[in-house]
Amino acid sequence: MTNLKDIKNRIQSVESTKKITRAMKMVAAAKVKKAESTVKASRPFTTELNTMFAKLLNSVGSYSATSLKIKQAIDNYPALLSTREIKSVALLVITSNKGLAGAYNANVVRKTINTISEYNKKGIKTYLFVVGQKGISALKRKCKELGCDIEKNYLSIANNPTSEGAYMVAEDLADYYVEGKVDKIEVITTRFKNMMSYFVENWEVLPLDRTSEKADKDSVVEPLMEFEPDMHHILQKVVPMYVTNIIYQSLLEAQASELASRMTAMSAATTNAEKMISELSIEYNKTRQFAITQEIIEVVSGANAQIG
């Protein structure tokens, strides 16, 4: 039978683990409320921006950068709105810096690997832009097998998504698109549903889907839009805003999903620890009772031997 000291040490070890998982659950629960509120508050703006952007493009004729001052790649809206044969793709993969979040990071990495494999079958090269240390560590090993490259990684924005951080990522992606290094940009992120569930999704950023825009234009008669000072300067402002907002929204959705997944995982771990402590306590009491009974038997046997 197991030694009493060993069982006691195991109980103490599980107790220590339970304290950690309970603390992590409480921290995640406190943060996820704020993250959920931020995500839900940002979704209406994202929806309206996408709708407005589609209407704006339907009202614009040809694109021209002749009269524009272009300082960065993301300011070159005619190049960002251009379409060409897809020979390479940039994938922005959003994971977390920390683990202990259930299957959150594993699901995102698995989706990324499947996406890369599909593009490899079509002869399309993939370039990875990875947010979060967990994604970097996992995909660095897989890229050797899949033949993809991690071009850039971002750590700070995984913990604290900001519009400034999203703009920095958008500029890096725009630079690759404008220079012709990639012909398509996608985001692999998670869409937050509620505290118990999320979905891993691919969001297409560039090129824009003209099919849906054309359908909207044919079905709805939009009023004539007037541009001031002119449509080219307005597009130069709106296109970077559109691209940056998609990335920012994906970061917010991912953070809320990560925190919800961590809260759920730590809650389950705490429950399992309590169950294990209960089972070990029963085993400890049985072992202790057996040891006491054994000692009594030995004492009685010794006494009977002396009497006999």
Protein backbone atom coordinates (compact mmCIF):
# COMPACT_ATOMS: atom_id res chain seq x y z
CA MET A 1 0.00 0.00 0.00
CA THR A 2 1.16 3.56 -0.73
CA ASN A 3 3.20 5.28 1.95
CA LEU A 4 1.33 7.89 4.02
CA LYS A 5 4.04 10.47 3.48
CA ASP A 6 3.86 10.08 -0.31
CA ILE A 7 0.09 10.56 -0.33
CA LYS A 8 0.39 13.63 1.91
CA ASN A 9 3.03 15.13 -0.42
CA ARG A 10 0.76 14.55 -3.41
CA ILE A 11 -2.15 16.24 -1.65
CA GLN A 12 0.02 19.27 -0.85
CA SER A 13 1.26 19.39 -4.45
CA VAL A 14 -2.27 19.32 -5.88
CA GLU A 15 -3.36 21.94 -3.33
CA SER A 16 -0.60 24.25 -4.58
CA THR A 17 -1.65 23.65 -8.18
CA LYS A 18 -5.27 24.37 -7.29
CA LYS A 19 -4.30 27.73 -5.79
CA ILE A 20 -2.52 28.67 -9.03
CA THR A 21 -5.35 27.57 -11.35
CA ARG A 22 -7.94 29.30 -9.17
CA ALA A 23 -5.94 32.53 -9.21
CA MET A 24 -5.52 32.33 -13.01
CA LYS A 25 -9.24 31.69 -13.40
CA MET A 26 -10.08 34.77 -11.34
CA VAL A 27 -7.64 36.95 -13.29
CA ALA A 28 -8.99 35.71 -16.65
CA ALA A 29 -12.59 36.21 -15.46
CA ALA A 30 -11.82 39.80 -14.46
CA LYS A 31 -10.15 40.56 -17.81
CA VAL A 32 -12.60 38.76 -20.08
CA LYS A 33 -15.51 40.97 -19.01
CA LYS A 34 -13.66 44.05 -20.20
CA ALA A 35 -12.49 42.29 -23.39
CA GLU A 36 -16.06 41.15 -24.15
CA SER A 37 -17.40 44.68 -23.69
CA THR A 38 -14.69 46.10 -25.96
CA VAL A 39 -15.40 43.55 -28.71
CA LYS A 40 -19.16 44.09 -28.64
CA ALA A 41 -18.72 47.86 -28.61
CA SER A 42 -16.38 47.80 -31.63
CA ARG A 43 -18.47 45.50 -33.85
CA PRO A 44 -21.10 48.10 -34.88
CA PHE A 45 -18.37 50.51 -35.99
CA THR A 46 -16.65 47.76 -38.00
CA THR A 47 -19.94 46.81 -39.67
CA GLU A 48 -20.79 50.40 -40.58
CA LEU A 49 -17.27 51.09 -41.81
CA ASN A 50 -17.37 48.05 -44.11
CA THR A 51 -20.80 49.09 -45.45
CA MET A 52 -19.71 52.67 -46.01
CA PHE A 53 -16.50 51.54 -47.68
CA ALA A 54 -18.40 49.30 -50.11
CA LYS A 55 -20.75 52.17 -51.03
CA LEU A 56 -17.80 54.49 -51.46
CA LEU A 57 -16.06 52.15 -53.90
CA ASN A 58 -19.29 51.73 -55.87
CA SER A 59 -19.41 55.50 -56.34
CA VAL A 60 -15.80 55.82 -57.49
CA GLY A 61 -14.62 55.38 -61.03
CA SER A 62 -10.93 54.89 -61.79
CA TYR A 63 -8.21 55.10 -59.17
CA SER A 64 -5.26 57.47 -59.47
CA ALA A 65 -2.32 58.37 -57.23
CA THR A 66 -1.10 61.24 -59.40
CA SER A 67 -2.15 64.08 -57.10
CA LEU A 68 -1.45 62.25 -53.84
CA LYS A 69 1.47 62.49 -51.46
CA ILE A 70 2.46 58.93 -50.61
CA LYS A 71 4.77 58.56 -47.61
CA GLN A 72 4.01 54.97 -46.69
CA ALA A 73 2.81 51.89 -48.53
CA ILE A 74 -0.55 52.00 -46.78
CA ASP A 75 -1.16 55.48 -48.27
CA ASN A 76 -0.92 54.07 -51.80
CA TYR A 77 -4.60 53.18 -52.07
CA PRO A 78 -4.64 52.46 -55.85
CA ALA A 79 -1.99 49.75 -55.33
CA LEU A 80 -3.89 48.30 -52.35
CA LEU A 81 -7.11 48.11 -54.37
CA SER A 82 -5.44 46.45 -57.33
CA THR A 83 -6.02 42.78 -58.13
CA ARG A 84 -3.66 40.34 -59.78
CA GLU A 85 -3.04 36.64 -60.19
CA ILE A 86 -2.47 35.09 -56.76
CA LYS A 87 0.98 33.55 -56.55
CA SER A 88 1.77 34.30 -52.90
CA VAL A 89 -0.28 35.00 -49.78
CA ALA A 90 0.43 36.81 -46.52
CA LEU A 91 -1.20 35.18 -43.48
CA LEU A 92 -1.55 37.22 -40.30
CA VAL A 93 -1.86 34.57 -37.56
CA ILE A 94 -3.10 35.76 -34.16
CA THR A 95 -2.22 33.68 -31.09
CA SER A 96 -1.34 34.49 -27.48
CA ASN A 97 1.92 34.98 -25.60
CA LYS A 98 0.87 32.70 -22.75
CA GLY A 99 -0.31 29.13 -22.61
CA LEU A 100 -2.76 27.41 -20.24
CA ALA A 101 -5.65 28.58 -22.41
CA GLY A 102 -7.08 25.19 -23.32
CA ALA A 103 -7.00 24.38 -27.03
CA TYR A 104 -7.07 28.04 -28.10
CA ASN A 105 -3.57 28.29 -29.58
CA ALA A 106 -3.64 24.72 -30.90
CA ASN A 107 -6.84 25.43 -32.84
CA VAL A 108 -5.38 28.57 -34.46
CA VAL A 109 -2.13 26.80 -35.35
CA ARG A 110 -4.03 23.83 -36.78
CA LYS A 111 -6.15 26.15 -38.94
CA THR A 112 -2.98 27.91 -40.13
CA ILE A 113 -1.27 24.64 -41.05
CA ASN A 114 -4.36 23.47 -42.98
CA THR A 115 -4.51 26.82 -44.82
CA ILE A 116 -0.82 26.64 -45.74
CA SER A 117 -1.24 23.05 -46.95
CA GLU A 118 -4.16 24.06 -49.18
CA TYR A 119 -2.13 26.87 -50.72
CA ASN A 120 0.85 24.55 -51.20
CA LYS A 121 -1.37 22.20 -53.23
CA LYS A 122 -2.21 25.14 -55.51
CA GLY A 123 1.45 26.13 -55.85
CA ILE A 124 0.95 29.36 -53.86
CA LYS A 125 3.70 30.44 -51.48
CA THR A 126 2.77 31.68 -48.00
CA TYR A 127 4.41 34.33 -45.84
CA LEU A 128 3.53 34.40 -42.16
CA PHE A 129 3.10 37.43 -39.91
CA VAL A 130 2.58 35.98 -36.44
CA VAL A 131 1.14 37.65 -33.36
CA GLY A 132 1.95 35.92 -30.05
CA GLN A 133 4.82 33.80 -28.76
CA LYS A 134 2.85 30.53 -28.84
CA GLY A 135 2.18 30.86 -32.55
CA ILE A 136 5.79 31.74 -33.28
CA SER A 137 7.11 28.70 -31.37
CA ALA A 138 4.67 26.25 -32.96
CA LEU A 139 4.86 27.55 -36.55
CA LYS A 140 8.64 27.93 -36.56
CA ARG A 141 8.93 24.14 -36.37
CA LYS A 142 6.13 23.49 -38.87
CA CYS A 143 7.47 25.95 -41.44
CA LYS A 144 10.49 23.73 -42.03
CA GLU A 145 8.12 20.98 -43.15
CA LEU A 146 5.65 23.18 -45.04
CA GLY A 147 8.16 25.46 -46.77
CA CYS A 148 6.67 28.71 -45.51
CA ASP A 149 8.49 31.70 -44.02
CA ILE A 150 7.82 33.73 -40.86
CA GLU A 151 8.50 37.25 -42.08
CA LYS A 152 7.63 39.25 -38.97
CA ASN A 153 6.40 38.58 -35.45
CA TYR A 154 4.61 40.75 -32.92
CA LEU A 155 4.58 40.11 -29.18
CA SER A 156 3.40 43.24 -27.38
CA ILE A 157 0.09 43.65 -29.21
CA ALA A 158 -0.96 40.11 -28.25
CA ASN A 159 -1.35 41.25 -24.63
CA ASN A 160 -2.58 44.76 -25.36
CA PRO A 161 -4.34 45.27 -28.71
CA THR A 162 -4.34 48.93 -29.74
CA SER A 163 -5.20 50.81 -32.90
CA GLU A 164 -1.56 51.96 -33.07
CA GLY A 165 -0.35 48.36 -32.98
CA ALA A 166 -2.89 47.37 -35.62
CA TYR A 167 -1.71 50.23 -37.84
CA MET A 168 1.90 49.04 -37.51
CA VAL A 169 0.89 45.54 -38.64
CA ALA A 170 -1.24 46.99 -41.45
CA GLU A 171 1.71 49.02 -42.72
CA ASP A 172 3.94 45.91 -42.81
CA LEU A 173 1.31 43.94 -44.73
CA ALA A 174 0.59 46.84 -47.08
CA ASP A 175 4.30 47.16 -47.83
CA TYR A 176 4.45 43.53 -49.00
CA TYR A 177 1.25 43.94 -51.05
CA VAL A 178 2.28 47.19 -52.76
CA GLU A 179 5.73 45.84 -53.60
CA GLY A 180 4.17 42.76 -55.16
CA LYS A 181 5.71 40.28 -52.72
CA VAL A 182 2.23 38.98 -51.92
CA ASP A 183 -0.97 39.03 -53.96
CA LYS A 184 -3.41 38.34 -51.15
CA ILE A 185 -3.68 39.11 -47.42
CA GLU A 186 -5.63 36.99 -44.95
CA VAL A 187 -6.07 37.06 -41.18
CA ILE A 188 -6.43 33.82 -39.21
CA THR A 189 -8.11 34.71 -35.93
CA THR A 190 -10.90 33.63 -33.60
CA ARG A 191 -14.35 35.19 -33.52
CA PHE A 192 -15.60 35.52 -29.96
CA LYS A 193 -19.14 34.17 -29.46
CA ASN A 194 -19.58 33.91 -25.70
CA MET A 195 -17.71 32.85 -22.58
CA MET A 196 -17.89 29.21 -23.60
CA SER A 197 -17.23 29.24 -27.34
CA TYR A 198 -15.38 30.88 -30.22
CA PHE A 199 -14.72 30.09 -33.88
CA VAL A 200 -11.42 30.02 -35.77
CA GLU A 201 -11.88 31.94 -39.03
CA ASN A 202 -10.05 33.22 -42.11
CA TRP A 203 -10.70 36.90 -42.82
CA GLU A 204 -9.79 38.12 -46.29
CA VAL A 205 -8.35 41.64 -46.24
CA LEU A 206 -6.98 42.21 -49.74
CA PRO A 207 -7.85 42.06 -52.57
CA LEU A 208 -11.44 43.21 -52.04
CA ASP A 209 -14.30 40.98 -53.16
CA ARG A 210 -15.82 42.92 -56.07
CA THR A 211 -18.59 40.36 -56.61
CA SER A 212 -20.56 41.32 -53.48
CA GLU A 213 -20.02 45.01 -54.18
CA LYS A 214 -21.42 44.64 -57.70
CA ALA A 215 -24.42 42.72 -56.39
CA ASP A 216 -25.13 45.43 -53.83
CA LYS A 217 -24.81 48.09 -56.49
CA ASP A 218 -27.24 46.30 -58.82
CA SER A 219 -29.85 45.64 -56.13
CA VAL A 220 -29.81 48.99 -54.33
CA VAL A 221 -29.87 52.42 -55.90
CA GLU A 222 -27.56 54.58 -53.81
CA PRO A 223 -27.82 58.37 -53.77
CA LEU A 224 -25.09 60.25 -55.57
CA MET A 225 -22.07 60.78 -53.30
CA GLU A 226 -20.22 64.06 -53.37
CA PHE A 227 -16.55 64.14 -52.39
CA GLU A 228 -14.72 67.03 -50.73
CA PRO A 229 -11.94 67.84 -51.50
CA ASP A 230 -11.98 64.90 -53.96
CA MET A 231 -12.53 61.16 -53.99
CA HIS A 232 -8.81 60.30 -54.25
CA HIS A 233 -7.86 62.10 -51.03
CA ILE A 234 -10.84 60.57 -49.26
CA LEU A 235 -9.94 57.06 -50.42
CA GLN A 236 -6.38 57.64 -49.29
CA LYS A 237 -7.75 58.12 -45.76
CA VAL A 238 -10.50 55.51 -45.81
CA VAL A 239 -8.54 52.56 -47.30
CA PRO A 240 -5.86 52.57 -44.53
CA MET A 241 -8.65 52.97 -41.96
CA TYR A 242 -10.48 49.99 -43.46
CA VAL A 243 -7.41 47.71 -43.49
CA THR A 244 -6.29 48.79 -40.01
CA ASN A 245 -9.76 48.31 -38.54
CA ILE A 246 -9.99 44.74 -39.82
CA ILE A 247 -6.71 43.92 -38.09
CA TYR A 248 -7.69 45.76 -34.92
CA GLN A 249 -11.05 43.97 -34.77
CA SER A 250 -9.33 40.60 -35.27
CA LEU A 251 -6.96 41.37 -32.38
CA LEU A 252 -9.86 42.27 -30.09
CA GLU A 253 -11.81 39.14 -31.04
CA ALA A 254 -8.72 36.99 -30.46
CA GLN A 255 -7.98 38.48 -27.04
CA ALA A 256 -11.55 37.94 -25.83
CA SER A 257 -11.50 34.35 -27.14
CA GLU A 258 -8.16 33.65 -25.47
CA LEU A 259 -9.27 34.98 -22.07
CA ALA A 260 -12.56 33.08 -22.23
CA SER A 261 -10.72 29.89 -23.18
CA ARG A 262 -8.23 30.40 -20.33
CA MET A 263 -11.01 31.02 -17.82
CA THR A 264 -12.80 27.86 -18.90
CA ALA A 265 -9.61 25.79 -18.86
CA MET A 266 -8.56 27.04 -15.41
CA SER A 267 -12.05 26.45 -14.06
CA ALA A 268 -11.92 22.85 -15.27
CA ALA A 269 -8.40 22.44 -13.87
CA THR A 270 -9.52 23.75 -10.46
CA THR A 271 -12.48 21.36 -10.43
CA ASN A 272 -10.23 18.43 -11.37
CA ALA A 273 -7.75 19.40 -8.64
CA GLU A 274 -10.53 19.44 -6.04
CA LYS A 275 -11.71 16.03 -7.22
CA MET A 276 -8.16 14.65 -7.06
CA ILE A 277 -7.66 16.06 -3.54
CA SER A 278 -10.88 14.38 -2.43
CA GLU A 279 -9.78 11.02 -3.87
CA LEU A 280 -6.30 11.33 -2.35
CA SER A 281 -7.80 12.25 1.03
CA ILE A 282 -9.94 9.10 0.97
CA GLU A 283 -6.90 7.04 0.02
CA TYR A 284 -4.89 8.73 2.79
CA ASN A 285 -7.56 7.93 5.40
CA LYS A 286 -7.83 4.32 4.22
CA THR A 287 -4.07 3.89 4.38
CA ARG A 288 -3.90 5.51 7.81
CA GLN A 289 -6.76 3.32 9.06
CA PHE A 290 -5.04 0.23 7.69
CA ALA A 291 -1.79 1.21 9.42
CA ILE A 292 -3.58 1.75 12.77
CA THR A 293 -5.45 -1.55 12.45
CA GLN A 294 -2.20 -3.31 11.63
CA GLU A 295 -0.53 -1.84 14.70
CA ILE A 296 -3.45 -2.91 16.93
CA ILE A 297 -3.30 -6.43 15.53
CA GLU A 298 0.42 -6.57 16.19
CA VAL A 299 -0.05 -5.33 19.78
CA VAL A 300 -2.84 -7.83 20.45
CA SER A 301 -0.86 -10.65 18.87
CA GLY A 302 2.17 -9.76 21.01
CA ALA A 303 0.05 -9.64 24.18
CA ASN A 304 -1.56 -12.99 23.41
CA ALA A 305 1.85 -14.50 22.79
CA GLN A 306 3.08 -13.37 26.21
CA ILE A 307 -0.05 -14.70 27.94
CA GLY A 308 0.25 -17.98 26.14
